[in-house]
Amino acid sequence: MTRVKICGLMTEHDICLCTQAGADALGFVTEYPVPVPWNLDRERSRELIAKVPPFVTTTAVVGGPKESILKIVDTVKPQVVQLHGDETKEDIAYICGKLSEIGVQVIKALRIDVDTQKAQFAIEDPEKAALALCSTGIAALAVDSKTSGRPAGTGVPLDWKIIQSISAAIPIPLILAGGLNVDNVTAAISFVKPYGVDIISGVEKTPGIKDPDKVHKFVRTVKALQSSIKLNMEG
């Protein structure tokens, strides 16, 4: 069953929209160190996360120095933290260790440059980088696209063959992000077979404002694919 995370939530209205559409998780970009349209300060992020209903996973998407990240988490109180910056392997392990003490899981985003196909990490080979990250204590790996103009939320898809090879190589769940939309998510899931999909700009009217039609169509498409796969297996 492919999970759906919708990221970049900024208003209570869009929280309601996404939960009613059936999203499994919501992401709140909190004090990200690089300018992006979805940035919230930690107090606003905490206020919004408190509005999320039960059984929908709350995720704080962060980056920057490890101590700053831990302070953000202490204020925001998310269920999951998604590291989406240039954290080192050592920093990731440290954060995982600290957050495990309070029951908060960590997802690490492995960002891959759409032009060079290199990982934005100390290890540039995407598969080798993914395997190295798996040893830090993260609960899942999100693979996302990066461009020269934006560190995330690019709207540009990656080469799914690369992501498929990463998924086959790692022992933890893989979350597919980067350039997903209602028109390509079926093909993406069928090819990569990820644990979950993560979308932000692909369901927006403008940056920070979700489009109700796109949100409902995206979630419905993923859920319909799951039902189709289940029926085929039972058949």
Foldseek 3Di string as FASTA:
>chain_A
DAAEEEELAQDLVVLVLLVVLPHQEYEQEEPAVDDDLRYDHLQSLLVNQVSHDPRRFYEYEYEDQLVVVVVSCVRNVGQEYEYQYADALVSLLVNLVVVVVVNHAYEYEFEAEQVPRFTSYPHGQVLVVLQSSLVSNHQEYEYEYCYPVGSGLPLAAHDLVSLLVSCVRDPHFYEYEYNDFLVCPLVSCVRNVGNYYYHYNRQAPDRSHGHSVRSSSNSVSVVVSVVVVVVVVVD
